[in-house]
Each structure stands twice: as structure tokens, then as C-alpha cells.
Amino acid sequence: MYTMMYLFDCTMDPGELTLPQAHQAMQIHKYCTVDNCLVRRRARQILVDTGQMILGERANP
């Protein structure tokens, strides 16, 4: 439940996310940037690590 509680707060790292939660977080935070939003940053990293997302050359590491 810890993860879902913080899934909507950009300032809180949600911790480990499942793949479905990472997809959901990306949708919830679609207008955020990884520079400002810890949830989007965590979700993106999970999607990249699992091969669900491939970052372009311009993407921040």
C-alpha cells in the first residue's frame, strides 16, 4: 500500500513499482518531467530496465 499512497505525489519517491504500476504512474504523471517528478523518474527507470521503454539520445539519463 505504501507505493499507491505516494503514486500521486511528485515529491515522494514511491519505492519499488510493479510493471503495471510503472505504466499507471507514467499515465498519471504524463505532464511531469523526470527532472521535477520522482514518481515519473522511478517509473521510467523501471520501464527502461525491463525493456518496455527505450530512451532516445536526447533523454536525460
PDB file of N, CA and C in Angstrom:
ATOM      1  N   MET A   1       0.818  -1.199   0.000  1.00  0.00           N
ATOM      2  CA  MET A   1       0.000   0.000   0.000  1.00  0.00           C
ATOM      3  C   MET A   1       0.859   1.259   0.000  1.00  0.00           C
ATOM      4  N   TYR A   2       2.083   1.146   0.506  1.00  0.00           N
ATOM      5  CA  TYR A   2       2.992   2.300   0.535  1.00  0.00           C
ATOM      6  C   TYR A   2       3.131   2.922  -0.837  1.00  0.00           C
ATOM      7  N   THR A   3       3.326   2.088  -1.846  1.00  0.00           N
ATOM      8  CA  THR A   3       3.534   2.581  -3.199  1.00  0.00           C
ATOM      9  C   THR A   3       2.349   3.388  -3.692  1.00  0.00           C
ATOM     10  N   MET A   4       1.152   2.855  -3.565  1.00  0.00           N
ATOM     11  CA  MET A   4      -0.028   3.532  -4.097  1.00  0.00           C
ATOM     12  C   MET A   4      -0.295   4.834  -3.365  1.00  0.00           C
ATOM     13  N   MET A   5       0.033   4.893  -2.090  1.00  0.00           N
ATOM     14  CA  MET A   5      -0.207   6.100  -1.319  1.00  0.00           C
ATOM     15  C   MET A   5       0.584   7.276  -1.892  1.00  0.00           C
ATOM     16  N   TYR A   6       1.781   7.014  -2.368  1.00  0.00           N
ATOM     17  CA  TYR A   6       2.641   8.083  -2.866  1.00  0.00           C
ATOM     18  C   TYR A   6       2.677   8.169  -4.390  1.00  0.00           C
ATOM     19  N   LEU A   7       1.860   7.424  -5.063  1.00  0.00           N
ATOM     20  CA  LEU A   7       1.880   7.415  -6.523  1.00  0.00           C
ATOM     21  C   LEU A   7       1.433   8.749  -7.116  1.00  0.00           C
ATOM     22  N   PHE A   8       0.696   9.539  -6.361  1.00  0.00           N
ATOM     23  CA  PHE A   8       0.169  10.800  -6.879  1.00  0.00           C
ATOM     24  C   PHE A   8       0.997  12.009  -6.462  1.00  0.00           C
ATOM     25  N   ASP A   9       1.959  11.843  -5.590  1.00  0.00           N
ATOM     26  CA  ASP A   9       2.763  12.947  -5.060  1.00  0.00           C
ATOM     27  C   ASP A   9       4.117  12.987  -5.764  1.00  0.00           C
ATOM     28  N   CYS A  10       4.323  13.992  -6.583  1.00  0.00           N
ATOM     29  CA  CYS A  10       5.560  14.128  -7.366  1.00  0.00           C
ATOM     30  C   CYS A  10       6.811  14.255  -6.500  1.00  0.00           C
ATOM     31  N   THR A  11       6.640  14.690  -5.261  1.00  0.00           N
ATOM     32  CA  THR A  11       7.803  14.953  -4.408  1.00  0.00           C
ATOM     33  C   THR A  11       8.247  13.743  -3.598  1.00  0.00           C
ATOM     34  N   MET A  12       7.494  12.647  -3.671  1.00  0.00           N
ATOM     35  CA  MET A  12       7.812  11.449  -2.889  1.00  0.00           C
ATOM     36  C   MET A  12       8.209  10.311  -3.816  1.00  0.00           C
ATOM     37  N   ASP A  13       9.348   9.685  -3.530  1.00  0.00           N
ATOM     38  CA  ASP A  13       9.742   8.501  -4.286  1.00  0.00           C
ATOM     39  C   ASP A  13       8.808   7.368  -3.879  1.00  0.00           C
ATOM     40  N   PRO A  14       8.109   6.757  -4.831  1.00  0.00           N
ATOM     41  CA  PRO A  14       7.136   5.723  -4.473  1.00  0.00           C
ATOM     42  C   PRO A  14       7.764   4.386  -4.087  1.00  0.00           C
ATOM     43  N   GLY A  15       9.060   4.244  -4.229  1.00  0.00           N
ATOM     44  CA  GLY A  15       9.700   2.965  -3.942  1.00  0.00           C
ATOM     45  C   GLY A  15       9.536   2.028  -5.121  1.00  0.00           C
ATOM     46  N   GLU A  16       9.675   0.745  -4.863  1.00  0.00           N
ATOM     47  CA  GLU A  16       9.577  -0.250  -5.933  1.00  0.00           C
ATOM     48  C   GLU A  16       8.171  -0.260  -6.526  1.00  0.00           C
ATOM     49  N   LEU A  17       8.111  -0.312  -7.840  1.00  0.00           N
ATOM     50  CA  LEU A  17       6.838  -0.378  -8.550  1.00  0.00           C
ATOM     51  C   LEU A  17       6.804  -1.649  -9.381  1.00  0.00           C
ATOM     52  N   THR A  18       5.632  -2.230  -9.501  1.00  0.00           N
ATOM     53  CA  THR A  18       5.462  -3.336 -10.434  1.00  0.00           C
ATOM     54  C   THR A  18       5.387  -2.732 -11.832  1.00  0.00           C
ATOM     55  N   LEU A  19       5.484  -3.558 -12.823  1.00  0.00           N
ATOM     56  CA  LEU A  19       5.384  -3.066 -14.197  1.00  0.00           C
ATOM     57  C   LEU A  19       4.036  -2.377 -14.453  1.00  0.00           C
ATOM     58  N   PRO A  20       2.909  -2.964 -14.054  1.00  0.00           N
ATOM     59  CA  PRO A  20       1.632  -2.261 -14.242  1.00  0.00           C
ATOM     60  C   PRO A  20       1.570  -0.931 -13.484  1.00  0.00           C
ATOM     61  N   GLN A  21       2.144  -0.879 -12.288  1.00  0.00           N
ATOM     62  CA  GLN A  21       2.160   0.370 -11.533  1.00  0.00           C
ATOM     63  C   GLN A  21       3.028   1.414 -12.231  1.00  0.00           C
ATOM     64  N   ALA A  22       4.138   0.991 -12.809  1.00  0.00           N
ATOM     65  CA  ALA A  22       5.002   1.921 -13.535  1.00  0.00           C
ATOM     66  C   ALA A  22       4.267   2.507 -14.736  1.00  0.00           C
ATOM     67  N   HIS A  23       3.534   1.671 -15.460  1.00  0.00           N
ATOM     68  CA  HIS A  23       2.741   2.175 -16.588  1.00  0.00           C
ATOM     69  C   HIS A  23       1.680   3.160 -16.101  1.00  0.00           C
ATOM     70  N   GLN A  24       1.015   2.822 -15.002  1.00  0.00           N
ATOM     71  CA  GLN A  24      -0.010   3.694 -14.449  1.00  0.00           C
ATOM     72  C   GLN A  24       0.598   5.027 -14.001  1.00  0.00           C
ATOM     73  N   ALA A  25       1.749   4.966 -13.356  1.00  0.00           N
ATOM     74  CA  ALA A  25       2.420   6.181 -12.899  1.00  0.00           C
ATOM     75  C   ALA A  25       2.782   7.079 -14.077  1.00  0.00           C
ATOM     76  N   MET A  26       3.224   6.489 -15.174  1.00  0.00           N
ATOM     77  CA  MET A  26       3.561   7.291 -16.359  1.00  0.00           C
ATOM     78  C   MET A  26       2.326   7.999 -16.902  1.00  0.00           C
ATOM     79  N   GLN A  27       1.170   7.356 -16.829  1.00  0.00           N
ATOM     80  CA  GLN A  27      -0.065   7.987 -17.286  1.00  0.00           C
ATOM     81  C   GLN A  27      -0.503   9.093 -16.327  1.00  0.00           C
ATOM     82  N   ILE A  28      -0.419   8.829 -15.037  1.00  0.00           N
ATOM     83  CA  ILE A  28      -0.814   9.835 -14.044  1.00  0.00           C
ATOM     84  C   ILE A  28       0.078  11.069 -14.154  1.00  0.00           C
ATOM     85  N   HIS A  29       1.353  10.858 -14.410  1.00  0.00           N
ATOM     86  CA  HIS A  29       2.328  11.954 -14.431  1.00  0.00           C
ATOM     87  C   HIS A  29       2.783  12.294 -15.852  1.00  0.00           C
ATOM     88  N   LYS A  30       1.897  12.139 -16.809  1.00  0.00           N
ATOM     89  CA  LYS A  30       2.282  12.359 -18.209  1.00  0.00           C
ATOM     90  C   LYS A  30       2.671  13.802 -18.509  1.00  0.00           C
ATOM     91  N   TYR A  31       2.267  14.742 -17.698  1.00  0.00           N
ATOM     92  CA  TYR A  31       2.637  16.138 -17.926  1.00  0.00           C
ATOM     93  C   TYR A  31       3.832  16.563 -17.076  1.00  0.00           C
ATOM     94  N   CYS A  32       4.374  15.645 -16.293  1.00  0.00           N
ATOM     95  CA  CYS A  32       5.545  15.924 -15.464  1.00  0.00           C
ATOM     96  C   CYS A  32       6.821  15.611 -16.250  1.00  0.00           C
ATOM     97  N   THR A  33       7.918  16.110 -15.742  1.00  0.00           N
ATOM     98  CA  THR A  33       9.215  15.749 -16.308  1.00  0.00           C
ATOM     99  C   THR A  33       9.979  14.930 -15.268  1.00  0.00           C
ATOM    100  N   VAL A  34      10.927  14.131 -15.730  1.00  0.00           N
ATOM    101  CA  VAL A  34      11.725  13.342 -14.793  1.00  0.00           C
ATOM    102  C   VAL A  34      12.633  14.235 -13.954  1.00  0.00           C
ATOM    103  N   ASP A  35      12.869  15.460 -14.409  1.00  0.00           N
ATOM    104  CA  ASP A  35      13.679  16.396 -13.634  1.00  0.00           C
ATOM    105  C   ASP A  35      12.947  16.860 -12.377  1.00  0.00           C
ATOM    106  N   ASN A  36      11.611  16.959 -12.446  1.00  0.00           N
ATOM    107  CA  ASN A  36      10.824  17.508 -11.348  1.00  0.00           C
ATOM    108  C   ASN A  36      10.016  16.471 -10.586  1.00  0.00           C
ATOM    109  N   CYS A  37       9.800  15.311 -11.155  1.00  0.00           N
ATOM    110  CA  CYS A  37       8.843  14.353 -10.591  1.00  0.00           C
ATOM    111  C   CYS A  37       9.532  13.027 -10.249  1.00  0.00           C
ATOM    112  N   LEU A  38       9.591  12.726  -8.971  1.00  0.00           N
ATOM    113  CA  LEU A  38      10.238  11.490  -8.528  1.00  0.00           C
ATOM    114  C   LEU A  38       9.457  10.248  -8.944  1.00  0.00           C
ATOM    115  N   VAL A  39       8.148  10.365  -9.026  1.00  0.00           N
ATOM    116  CA  VAL A  39       7.329   9.218  -9.432  1.00  0.00           C
ATOM    117  C   VAL A  39       7.596   8.880 -10.894  1.00  0.00           C
ATOM    118  N   ARG A  40       7.582   9.879 -11.746  1.00  0.00           N
ATOM    119  CA  ARG A  40       7.839   9.640 -13.167  1.00  0.00           C
ATOM    120  C   ARG A  40       9.258   9.119 -13.382  1.00  0.00           C
ATOM    121  N   ARG A  41      10.211   9.671 -12.648  1.00  0.00           N
ATOM    122  CA  ARG A  41      11.601   9.227 -12.760  1.00  0.00           C
ATOM    123  C   ARG A  41      11.728   7.746 -12.401  1.00  0.00           C
ATOM    124  N   ARG A  42      11.099   7.333 -11.294  1.00  0.00           N
ATOM    125  CA  ARG A  42      11.155   5.939 -10.863  1.00  0.00           C
ATOM    126  C   ARG A  42      10.462   5.035 -11.881  1.00  0.00           C
ATOM    127  N   ALA A  43       9.281   5.455 -12.337  1.00  0.00           N
ATOM    128  CA  ALA A  43       8.521   4.649 -13.293  1.00  0.00           C
ATOM    129  C   ALA A  43       9.299   4.490 -14.597  1.00  0.00           C
ATOM    130  N   ARG A  44       9.877   5.573 -15.078  1.00  0.00           N
ATOM    131  CA  ARG A  44      10.640   5.498 -16.326  1.00  0.00           C
ATOM    132  C   ARG A  44      11.820   4.550 -16.186  1.00  0.00           C
ATOM    133  N   GLN A  45      12.507   4.605 -15.058  1.00  0.00           N
ATOM    134  CA  GLN A  45      13.660   3.736 -14.868  1.00  0.00           C
ATOM    135  C   GLN A  45      13.249   2.269 -14.872  1.00  0.00           C
ATOM    136  N   ILE A  46      12.129   1.958 -14.264  1.00  0.00           N
ATOM    137  CA  ILE A  46      11.635   0.575 -14.260  1.00  0.00           C
ATOM    138  C   ILE A  46      11.296   0.141 -15.683  1.00  0.00           C
ATOM    139  N   LEU A  47      10.647   1.000 -16.434  1.00  0.00           N
ATOM    140  CA  LEU A  47      10.288   0.656 -17.811  1.00  0.00           C
ATOM    141  C   LEU A  47      11.528   0.481 -18.683  1.00  0.00           C
ATOM    142  N   VAL A  48      12.530   1.287 -18.472  1.00  0.00           N
ATOM    143  CA  VAL A  48      13.784   1.157 -19.220  1.00  0.00           C
ATOM    144  C   VAL A  48      14.504  -0.135 -18.816  1.00  0.00           C
ATOM    145  N   ASP A  49      14.580  -0.390 -17.513  1.00  0.00           N
ATOM    146  CA  ASP A  49      15.274  -1.591 -17.020  1.00  0.00           C
ATOM    147  C   ASP A  49      14.643  -2.878 -17.522  1.00  0.00           C
ATOM    148  N   THR A  50      13.337  -2.876 -17.721  1.00  0.00           N
ATOM    149  CA  THR A  50      12.638  -4.082 -18.167  1.00  0.00           C
ATOM    150  C   THR A  50      12.488  -4.141 -19.686  1.00  0.00           C
ATOM    151  N   GLY A  51      13.046  -3.157 -20.394  1.00  0.00           N
ATOM    152  CA  GLY A  51      12.989  -3.162 -21.848  1.00  0.00           C
ATOM    153  C   GLY A  51      11.663  -2.709 -22.421  1.00  0.00           C
ATOM    154  N   GLN A  52      10.784  -2.160 -21.581  1.00  0.00           N
ATOM    155  CA  GLN A  52       9.484  -1.673 -22.041  1.00  0.00           C
ATOM    156  C   GLN A  52       9.591  -0.303 -22.700  1.00  0.00           C
ATOM    157  N   MET A  53      10.691   0.403 -22.413  1.00  0.00           N
ATOM    158  CA  MET A  53      10.893   1.751 -22.960  1.00  0.00           C
ATOM    159  C   MET A  53      12.352   1.868 -23.365  1.00  0.00           C
ATOM    160  N   ILE A  54      12.572   2.467 -24.505  1.00  0.00           N
ATOM    161  CA  ILE A  54      13.924   2.752 -24.971  1.00  0.00           C
ATOM    162  C   ILE A  54      14.063   4.258 -25.070  1.00  0.00           C
ATOM    163  N   LEU A  55      15.046   4.808 -24.376  1.00  0.00           N
ATOM    164  CA  LEU A  55      15.237   6.241 -24.369  1.00  0.00           C
ATOM    165  C   LEU A  55      15.965   6.702 -25.626  1.00  0.00           C
ATOM    166  N   GLY A  56      15.538   7.847 -26.118  1.00  0.00           N
ATOM    167  CA  GLY A  56      16.209   8.456 -27.244  1.00  0.00           C
ATOM    168  C   GLY A  56      17.482   9.145 -26.797  1.00  0.00           C
ATOM    169  N   GLU A  57      18.257   9.628 -27.728  1.00  0.00           N
ATOM    170  CA  GLU A  57      19.531  10.271 -27.425  1.00  0.00           C
ATOM    171  C   GLU A  57      19.365  11.528 -26.595  1.00  0.00           C
ATOM    172  N   ARG A  58      18.246  12.235 -26.752  1.00  0.00           N
ATOM    173  CA  ARG A  58      18.025  13.489 -26.038  1.00  0.00           C
ATOM    174  C   ARG A  58      17.538  13.302 -24.610  1.00  0.00           C
ATOM    175  N   ALA A  59      17.136  12.099 -24.255  1.00  0.00           N
ATOM    176  CA  ALA A  59      16.576  11.843 -22.921  1.00  0.00           C
ATOM    177  C   ALA A  59      17.636  11.999 -21.852  1.00  0.00           C
ATOM    178  N   ASN A  60      17.197  12.507 -20.709  1.00  0.00           N
ATOM    179  CA  ASN A  60      18.090  12.615 -19.560  1.00  0.00           C
ATOM    180  C   ASN A  60      18.370  11.227 -19.015  1.00  0.00           C
ATOM    181  N   PRO A  61      19.594  10.976 -18.581  1.00  0.00           N
ATOM    182  CA  PRO A  61      19.914   9.636 -18.025  1.00  0.00           C
ATOM    183  C   PRO A  61      19.205   9.383 -16.714  1.00  0.00           C
TER     184      PRO A  61
END
